[in-house]
Amino acid sequence: MIVCSCNVFSDGQVRACLNPGPGCPRTPAQVYACLGCSPKCGRCARTIRGILSRALAEAHETCTSACGAACTLKAAEPAPAEAA
C-alpha cells in the first residue's frame, strides 16, 4: 500500500528500513532519511508512526529472554499523566 503519495513510497519500503540495532529508525523523520527523501505535506507521518509501532511490538514479542534489559527493541514506556 502507498504510504506517502508525495514521495511515492509504500509500507513495504518503510518496513525495509527497520533493521534491528541502534541505527533502526524510530521516527517518521528517520524513515524519510532512510528512504532518501523529506516530508512534503506530512499527512503520512501518522501512518509511518503506526507502522513503526507495530513493527517494534512484533520484534519485541519475538525477542527471546536472552535479550533481557539490553534489548534495543523494547517499546518506550509511556510517560505518566500529569495531575491537573
PDB file of N, CA and C in Angstrom:
ATOM      1  N   MET A   1       0.853  -1.169   0.000  1.00  0.00           N
ATOM      2  CA  MET A   1       0.000   0.000   0.000  1.00  0.00           C
ATOM      3  C   MET A   1       0.901   1.234   0.000  1.00  0.00           C
ATOM      4  N   ILE A   2       0.510   2.237  -0.743  1.00  0.00           N
ATOM      5  CA  ILE A   2       1.250   3.503  -0.781  1.00  0.00           C
ATOM      6  C   ILE A   2       1.008   4.239   0.534  1.00  0.00           C
ATOM      7  N   VAL A   3       2.082   4.594   1.203  1.00  0.00           N
ATOM      8  CA  VAL A   3       2.010   5.315   2.480  1.00  0.00           C
ATOM      9  C   VAL A   3       2.116   6.809   2.228  1.00  0.00           C
ATOM     10  N   CYS A   4       3.040   7.199   1.362  1.00  0.00           N
ATOM     11  CA  CYS A   4       3.283   8.606   1.077  1.00  0.00           C
ATOM     12  C   CYS A   4       3.078   8.848  -0.412  1.00  0.00           C
ATOM     13  N   SER A   5       2.056   9.605  -0.745  1.00  0.00           N
ATOM     14  CA  SER A   5       1.795   9.881  -2.161  1.00  0.00           C
ATOM     15  C   SER A   5       2.685  11.009  -2.688  1.00  0.00           C
ATOM     16  N   CYS A   6       3.194  11.854  -1.809  1.00  0.00           N
ATOM     17  CA  CYS A   6       4.098  12.926  -2.251  1.00  0.00           C
ATOM     18  C   CYS A   6       5.444  12.358  -2.709  1.00  0.00           C
ATOM     19  N   ASN A   7       5.992  11.435  -1.917  1.00  0.00           N
ATOM     20  CA  ASN A   7       7.283  10.834  -2.231  1.00  0.00           C
ATOM     21  C   ASN A   7       7.149   9.459  -2.885  1.00  0.00           C
ATOM     22  N   VAL A   8       5.940   8.957  -2.947  1.00  0.00           N
ATOM     23  CA  VAL A   8       5.590   7.670  -3.531  1.00  0.00           C
ATOM     24  C   VAL A   8       6.442   6.537  -2.948  1.00  0.00           C
ATOM     25  N   PHE A   9       6.167   6.226  -1.665  1.00  0.00           N
ATOM     26  CA  PHE A   9       6.763   5.030  -1.087  1.00  0.00           C
ATOM     27  C   PHE A   9       5.690   4.237  -0.355  1.00  0.00           C
ATOM     28  N   SER A  10       5.965   2.942  -0.216  1.00  0.00           N
ATOM     29  CA  SER A  10       4.979   2.012   0.317  1.00  0.00           C
ATOM     30  C   SER A  10       5.309   1.577   1.742  1.00  0.00           C
ATOM     31  N   ASP A  11       4.363   0.867   2.344  1.00  0.00           N
ATOM     32  CA  ASP A  11       4.582   0.319   3.678  1.00  0.00           C
ATOM     33  C   ASP A  11       5.724  -0.691   3.666  1.00  0.00           C
ATOM     34  N   GLY A  12       5.882  -1.419   2.579  1.00  0.00           N
ATOM     35  CA  GLY A  12       6.983  -2.363   2.456  1.00  0.00           C
ATOM     36  C   GLY A  12       8.334  -1.667   2.482  1.00  0.00           C
ATOM     37  N   GLN A  13       8.414  -0.510   1.854  1.00  0.00           N
ATOM     38  CA  GLN A  13       9.662   0.252   1.875  1.00  0.00           C
ATOM     39  C   GLN A  13       9.955   0.787   3.269  1.00  0.00           C
ATOM     40  N   VAL A  14       8.912   1.193   3.987  1.00  0.00           N
ATOM     41  CA  VAL A  14       9.102   1.660   5.362  1.00  0.00           C
ATOM     42  C   VAL A  14       9.631   0.509   6.206  1.00  0.00           C
ATOM     43  N   ARG A  15       8.989  -0.667   6.109  1.00  0.00           N
ATOM     44  CA  ARG A  15       9.430  -1.821   6.891  1.00  0.00           C
ATOM     45  C   ARG A  15      10.841  -2.264   6.508  1.00  0.00           C
ATOM     46  N   ALA A  16      11.229  -2.070   5.250  1.00  0.00           N
ATOM     47  CA  ALA A  16      12.576  -2.453   4.810  1.00  0.00           C
ATOM     48  C   ALA A  16      13.661  -1.624   5.501  1.00  0.00           C
ATOM     49  N   CYS A  17      13.308  -0.444   5.991  1.00  0.00           N
ATOM     50  CA  CYS A  17      14.265   0.412   6.713  1.00  0.00           C
ATOM     51  C   CYS A  17      14.515  -0.082   8.129  1.00  0.00           C
ATOM     52  N   LEU A  18      13.646  -0.935   8.628  1.00  0.00           N
ATOM     53  CA  LEU A  18      13.678  -1.320  10.032  1.00  0.00           C
ATOM     54  C   LEU A  18      14.606  -2.497  10.279  1.00  0.00           C
ATOM     55  N   ASN A  19      15.853  -2.209  10.510  1.00  0.00           N
ATOM     56  CA  ASN A  19      16.840  -3.222  10.854  1.00  0.00           C
ATOM     57  C   ASN A  19      17.105  -3.144  12.344  1.00  0.00           C
ATOM     58  N   PRO A  20      17.206  -4.294  13.007  1.00  0.00           N
ATOM     59  CA  PRO A  20      17.471  -4.270  14.455  1.00  0.00           C
ATOM     60  C   PRO A  20      18.784  -3.549  14.769  1.00  0.00           C
ATOM     61  N   GLY A  21      18.795  -2.901  15.906  1.00  0.00           N
ATOM     62  CA  GLY A  21      20.011  -2.236  16.358  1.00  0.00           C
ATOM     63  C   GLY A  21      19.812  -0.753  16.553  1.00  0.00           C
ATOM     64  N   PRO A  22      20.860  -0.082  16.975  1.00  0.00           N
ATOM     65  CA  PRO A  22      20.759   1.334  17.307  1.00  0.00           C
ATOM     66  C   PRO A  22      20.478   2.237  16.104  1.00  0.00           C
ATOM     67  N   GLY A  23      20.763   1.789  14.886  1.00  0.00           N
ATOM     68  CA  GLY A  23      20.523   2.608  13.707  1.00  0.00           C
ATOM     69  C   GLY A  23      19.110   2.491  13.155  1.00  0.00           C
ATOM     70  N   CYS A  24      18.285   1.708  13.801  1.00  0.00           N
ATOM     71  CA  CYS A  24      16.911   1.497  13.332  1.00  0.00           C
ATOM     72  C   CYS A  24      16.106   2.781  13.496  1.00  0.00           C
ATOM     73  N   PRO A  25      15.412   3.221  12.435  1.00  0.00           N
ATOM     74  CA  PRO A  25      14.593   4.432  12.554  1.00  0.00           C
ATOM     75  C   PRO A  25      13.513   4.282  13.620  1.00  0.00           C
ATOM     76  N   ARG A  26      13.324   5.322  14.405  1.00  0.00           N
ATOM     77  CA  ARG A  26      12.294   5.322  15.450  1.00  0.00           C
ATOM     78  C   ARG A  26      11.272   6.440  15.244  1.00  0.00           C
ATOM     79  N   THR A  27      11.507   7.304  14.259  1.00  0.00           N
ATOM     80  CA  THR A  27      10.593   8.418  13.992  1.00  0.00           C
ATOM     81  C   THR A  27      10.325   8.508  12.490  1.00  0.00           C
ATOM     82  N   PRO A  28       9.231   9.156  12.108  1.00  0.00           N
ATOM     83  CA  PRO A  28       8.982   9.354  10.679  1.00  0.00           C
ATOM     84  C   PRO A  28      10.129  10.097   9.987  1.00  0.00           C
ATOM     85  N   ALA A  29      10.734  11.078  10.638  1.00  0.00           N
ATOM     86  CA  ALA A  29      11.843  11.827  10.035  1.00  0.00           C
ATOM     87  C   ALA A  29      13.010  10.897   9.717  1.00  0.00           C
ATOM     88  N   GLN A  30      13.279   9.952  10.604  1.00  0.00           N
ATOM     89  CA  GLN A  30      14.358   9.000  10.365  1.00  0.00           C
ATOM     90  C   GLN A  30      14.013   8.053   9.221  1.00  0.00           C
ATOM     91  N   VAL A  31      12.733   7.712   9.075  1.00  0.00           N
ATOM     92  CA  VAL A  31      12.310   6.865   7.950  1.00  0.00           C
ATOM     93  C   VAL A  31      12.493   7.628   6.639  1.00  0.00           C
ATOM     94  N   TYR A  32      12.084   8.895   6.608  1.00  0.00           N
ATOM     95  CA  TYR A  32      12.294   9.705   5.396  1.00  0.00           C
ATOM     96  C   TYR A  32      13.766   9.716   5.022  1.00  0.00           C
ATOM     97  N   ALA A  33      14.637   9.937   6.004  1.00  0.00           N
ATOM     98  CA  ALA A  33      16.079   9.976   5.744  1.00  0.00           C
ATOM     99  C   ALA A  33      16.567   8.635   5.208  1.00  0.00           C
ATOM    100  N   CYS A  34      16.079   7.552   5.779  1.00  0.00           N
ATOM    101  CA  CYS A  34      16.452   6.215   5.333  1.00  0.00           C
ATOM    102  C   CYS A  34      16.061   6.001   3.872  1.00  0.00           C
ATOM    103  N   LEU A  35      14.920   6.557   3.487  1.00  0.00           N
ATOM    104  CA  LEU A  35      14.421   6.401   2.119  1.00  0.00           C
ATOM    105  C   LEU A  35      14.945   7.476   1.174  1.00  0.00           C
ATOM    106  N   GLY A  36      15.771   8.389   1.689  1.00  0.00           N
ATOM    107  CA  GLY A  36      16.389   9.411   0.851  1.00  0.00           C
ATOM    108  C   GLY A  36      15.446  10.504   0.391  1.00  0.00           C
ATOM    109  N   CYS A  37      14.467  10.813   1.234  1.00  0.00           N
ATOM    110  CA  CYS A  37      13.532  11.886   0.876  1.00  0.00           C
ATOM    111  C   CYS A  37      13.228  12.715   2.120  1.00  0.00           C
ATOM    112  N   SER A  38      12.335  13.670   1.973  1.00  0.00           N
ATOM    113  CA  SER A  38      11.937  14.504   3.105  1.00  0.00           C
ATOM    114  C   SER A  38      10.426  14.682   3.057  1.00  0.00           C
ATOM    115  N   PRO A  39       9.823  15.006   4.206  1.00  0.00           N
ATOM    116  CA  PRO A  39       8.370  15.177   4.225  1.00  0.00           C
ATOM    117  C   PRO A  39       7.941  16.367   3.381  1.00  0.00           C
ATOM    118  N   LYS A  40       6.812  16.213   2.760  1.00  0.00           N
ATOM    119  CA  LYS A  40       6.250  17.317   1.975  1.00  0.00           C
ATOM    120  C   LYS A  40       5.007  17.841   2.704  1.00  0.00           C
ATOM    121  N   CYS A  41       3.882  17.134   2.598  1.00  0.00           N
ATOM    122  CA  CYS A  41       2.663  17.614   3.262  1.00  0.00           C
ATOM    123  C   CYS A  41       2.530  17.082   4.686  1.00  0.00           C
ATOM    124  N   GLY A  42       3.207  15.961   5.004  1.00  0.00           N
ATOM    125  CA  GLY A  42       3.202  15.418   6.355  1.00  0.00           C
ATOM    126  C   GLY A  42       2.019  14.545   6.718  1.00  0.00           C
ATOM    127  N   ARG A  43       1.079  14.336   5.802  1.00  0.00           N
ATOM    128  CA  ARG A  43      -0.091  13.526   6.126  1.00  0.00           C
ATOM    129  C   ARG A  43       0.241  12.064   6.381  1.00  0.00           C
ATOM    130  N   CYS A  44       1.366  11.600   5.909  1.00  0.00           N
ATOM    131  CA  CYS A  44       1.729  10.189   6.070  1.00  0.00           C
ATOM    132  C   CYS A  44       2.430   9.913   7.389  1.00  0.00           C
ATOM    133  N   ALA A  45       2.810  10.929   8.133  1.00  0.00           N
ATOM    134  CA  ALA A  45       3.580  10.733   9.369  1.00  0.00           C
ATOM    135  C   ALA A  45       2.850   9.830  10.353  1.00  0.00           C
ATOM    136  N   ARG A  46       1.557   9.984  10.493  1.00  0.00           N
ATOM    137  CA  ARG A  46       0.781   9.152  11.419  1.00  0.00           C
ATOM    138  C   ARG A  46       0.830   7.689  10.986  1.00  0.00           C
ATOM    139  N   THR A  47       0.708   7.438   9.694  1.00  0.00           N
ATOM    140  CA  THR A  47       0.765   6.070   9.179  1.00  0.00           C
ATOM    141  C   THR A  47       2.149   5.474   9.406  1.00  0.00           C
ATOM    142  N   ILE A  48       3.186   6.263   9.172  1.00  0.00           N
ATOM    143  CA  ILE A  48       4.552   5.787   9.393  1.00  0.00           C
ATOM    144  C   ILE A  48       4.753   5.451  10.864  1.00  0.00           C
ATOM    145  N   ARG A  49       4.257   6.303  11.765  1.00  0.00           N
ATOM    146  CA  ARG A  49       4.367   6.019  13.204  1.00  0.00           C
ATOM    147  C   ARG A  49       3.675   4.706  13.556  1.00  0.00           C
ATOM    148  N   GLY A  50       2.513   4.466  12.947  1.00  0.00           N
ATOM    149  CA  GLY A  50       1.782   3.215  13.189  1.00  0.00           C
ATOM    150  C   GLY A  50       2.569   2.002  12.717  1.00  0.00           C
ATOM    151  N   ILE A  51       3.175   2.099  11.537  1.00  0.00           N
ATOM    152  CA  ILE A  51       3.997   1.006  11.009  1.00  0.00           C
ATOM    153  C   ILE A  51       5.176   0.748  11.937  1.00  0.00           C
ATOM    154  N   LEU A  52       5.828   1.819  12.391  1.00  0.00           N
ATOM    155  CA  LEU A  52       6.960   1.689  13.314  1.00  0.00           C
ATOM    156  C   LEU A  52       6.523   1.014  14.616  1.00  0.00           C
ATOM    157  N   SER A  53       5.425   1.458  15.174  1.00  0.00           N
ATOM    158  CA  SER A  53       4.934   0.906  16.442  1.00  0.00           C
ATOM    159  C   SER A  53       4.629  -0.577  16.318  1.00  0.00           C
ATOM    160  N   ARG A  54       3.915  -0.944  15.254  1.00  0.00           N
ATOM    161  CA  ARG A  54       3.572  -2.359  15.052  1.00  0.00           C
ATOM    162  C   ARG A  54       4.816  -3.207  14.832  1.00  0.00           C
ATOM    163  N   ALA A  55       5.743  -2.718  14.029  1.00  0.00           N
ATOM    164  CA  ALA A  55       6.963  -3.479  13.744  1.00  0.00           C
ATOM    165  C   ALA A  55       7.801  -3.665  15.001  1.00  0.00           C
ATOM    166  N   LEU A  56       7.928  -2.625  15.809  1.00  0.00           N
ATOM    167  CA  LEU A  56       8.700  -2.728  17.048  1.00  0.00           C
ATOM    168  C   LEU A  56       8.015  -3.664  18.039  1.00  0.00           C
ATOM    169  N   ALA A  57       6.683  -3.618  18.111  1.00  0.00           N
ATOM    170  CA  ALA A  57       5.944  -4.510  19.010  1.00  0.00           C
ATOM    171  C   ALA A  57       6.115  -5.959  18.572  1.00  0.00           C
ATOM    172  N   GLU A  58       6.032  -6.225  17.265  1.00  0.00           N
ATOM    173  CA  GLU A  58       6.218  -7.582  16.748  1.00  0.00           C
ATOM    174  C   GLU A  58       7.631  -8.079  17.030  1.00  0.00           C
ATOM    175  N   ALA A  59       8.613  -7.225  16.810  1.00  0.00           N
ATOM    176  CA  ALA A  59      10.002  -7.617  17.051  1.00  0.00           C
ATOM    177  C   ALA A  59      10.228  -7.893  18.524  1.00  0.00           C
ATOM    178  N   HIS A  60       9.623  -7.103  19.379  1.00  0.00           N
ATOM    179  CA  HIS A  60       9.792  -7.295  20.814  1.00  0.00           C
ATOM    180  C   HIS A  60       9.142  -8.600  21.262  1.00  0.00           C
ATOM    181  N   GLU A  61       7.991  -8.958  20.679  1.00  0.00           N
ATOM    182  CA  GLU A  61       7.317 -10.206  21.030  1.00  0.00           C
ATOM    183  C   GLU A  61       8.166 -11.419  20.674  1.00  0.00           C
ATOM    184  N   THR A  62       8.903 -11.334  19.575  1.00  0.00           N
ATOM    185  CA  THR A  62       9.724 -12.460  19.144  1.00  0.00           C
ATOM    186  C   THR A  62      11.079 -12.485  19.821  1.00  0.00           C
ATOM    187  N   CYS A  63      11.395 -11.426  20.540  1.00  0.00           N
ATOM    188  CA  CYS A  63      12.674 -11.328  21.237  1.00  0.00           C
ATOM    189  C   CYS A  63      12.718 -12.371  22.352  1.00  0.00           C
ATOM    190  N   THR A  64      13.814 -13.092  22.451  1.00  0.00           N
ATOM    191  CA  THR A  64      13.934 -14.108  23.490  1.00  0.00           C
ATOM    192  C   THR A  64      14.316 -13.488  24.819  1.00  0.00           C
ATOM    193  N   SER A  65      14.191 -14.250  25.862  1.00  0.00           N
ATOM    194  CA  SER A  65      14.534 -13.744  27.189  1.00  0.00           C
ATOM    195  C   SER A  65      16.026 -13.480  27.318  1.00  0.00           C
ATOM    196  N   ALA A  66      16.838 -14.010  26.394  1.00  0.00           N
ATOM    197  CA  ALA A  66      18.277 -13.773  26.433  1.00  0.00           C
ATOM    198  C   ALA A  66      18.605 -12.295  26.235  1.00  0.00           C
ATOM    199  N   CYS A  67      17.701 -11.569  25.589  1.00  0.00           N
ATOM    200  CA  CYS A  67      17.929 -10.140  25.366  1.00  0.00           C
ATOM    201  C   CYS A  67      17.930  -9.388  26.691  1.00  0.00           C
ATOM    202  N   GLY A  68      16.992  -9.737  27.542  1.00  0.00           N
ATOM    203  CA  GLY A  68      16.891  -9.103  28.848  1.00  0.00           C
ATOM    204  C   GLY A  68      16.755  -7.595  28.775  1.00  0.00           C
ATOM    205  N   ALA A  69      17.362  -6.916  29.696  1.00  0.00           N
ATOM    206  CA  ALA A  69      17.247  -5.461  29.805  1.00  0.00           C
ATOM    207  C   ALA A  69      17.996  -4.733  28.703  1.00  0.00           C
ATOM    208  N   ALA A  70      18.902  -5.418  28.006  1.00  0.00           N
ATOM    209  CA  ALA A  70      19.702  -4.766  26.965  1.00  0.00           C
ATOM    210  C   ALA A  70      18.995  -4.717  25.612  1.00  0.00           C
ATOM    211  N   CYS A  71      17.780  -5.208  25.537  1.00  0.00           N
ATOM    212  CA  CYS A  71      17.052  -5.275  24.266  1.00  0.00           C
ATOM    213  C   CYS A  71      16.823  -3.871  23.709  1.00  0.00           C
ATOM    214  N   THR A  72      17.292  -3.626  22.481  1.00  0.00           N
ATOM    215  CA  THR A  72      17.129  -2.315  21.844  1.00  0.00           C
ATOM    216  C   THR A  72      15.772  -2.175  21.194  1.00  0.00           C
ATOM    217  N   LEU A  73      14.991  -3.249  21.172  1.00  0.00           N
ATOM    218  CA  LEU A  73      13.698  -3.204  20.504  1.00  0.00           C
ATOM    219  C   LEU A  73      12.546  -2.947  21.454  1.00  0.00           C
ATOM    220  N   LYS A  74      12.827  -2.768  22.728  1.00  0.00           N
ATOM    221  CA  LYS A  74      11.746  -2.507  23.685  1.00  0.00           C
ATOM    222  C   LYS A  74      11.072  -1.200  23.342  1.00  0.00           C
ATOM    223  N   ALA A  75       9.757  -1.230  23.360  1.00  0.00           N
ATOM    224  CA  ALA A  75       8.992  -0.006  23.108  1.00  0.00           C
ATOM    225  C   ALA A  75       9.148   0.909  24.306  1.00  0.00           C
ATOM    226  N   ALA A  76       9.196   2.192  24.036  1.00  0.00           N
ATOM    227  CA  ALA A  76       9.319   3.165  25.116  1.00  0.00           C
ATOM    228  C   ALA A  76       8.066   3.132  25.969  1.00  0.00           C
ATOM    229  N   GLU A  77       8.254   3.165  27.264  1.00  0.00           N
ATOM    230  CA  GLU A  77       7.108   3.171  28.158  1.00  0.00           C
ATOM    231  C   GLU A  77       6.505   4.564  28.162  1.00  0.00           C
ATOM    232  N   PRO A  78       5.163   4.637  28.169  1.00  0.00           N
ATOM    233  CA  PRO A  78       4.526   5.954  28.166  1.00  0.00           C
ATOM    234  C   PRO A  78       4.815   6.715  29.455  1.00  0.00           C
ATOM    235  N   ALA A  79       4.936   8.011  29.302  1.00  0.00           N
ATOM    236  CA  ALA A  79       5.175   8.877  30.465  1.00  0.00           C
ATOM    237  C   ALA A  79       3.918   8.944  31.296  1.00  0.00           C
ATOM    238  N   PRO A  80       4.052   9.007  32.614  1.00  0.00           N
ATOM    239  CA  PRO A  80       2.863   9.097  33.466  1.00  0.00           C
ATOM    240  C   PRO A  80       2.114  10.403  33.212  1.00  0.00           C
ATOM    241  N   ALA A  81       0.795  10.320  33.288  1.00  0.00           N
ATOM    242  CA  ALA A  81      -0.032  11.501  33.062  1.00  0.00           C
ATOM    243  C   ALA A  81       0.155  12.484  34.207  1.00  0.00           C
ATOM    244  N   GLU A  82       0.260  13.761  33.858  1.00  0.00           N
ATOM    245  CA  GLU A  82       0.416  14.780  34.892  1.00  0.00           C
ATOM    246  C   GLU A  82      -0.916  15.090  35.537  1.00  0.00           C
ATOM    247  N   ALA A  83      -0.892  15.319  36.828  1.00  0.00           N
ATOM    248  CA  ALA A  83      -2.119  15.688  37.536  1.00  0.00           C
ATOM    249  C   ALA A  83      -2.453  17.136  37.196  1.00  0.00           C
ATOM    250  N   ALA A  84      -3.720  17.373  36.967  1.00  0.00           N
ATOM    251  CA  ALA A  84      -4.150  18.730  36.567  1.00  0.00           C
ATOM    252  C   ALA A  84      -4.336  19.622  37.749  1.00  0.00           C
TER     253      ALA A  84
END
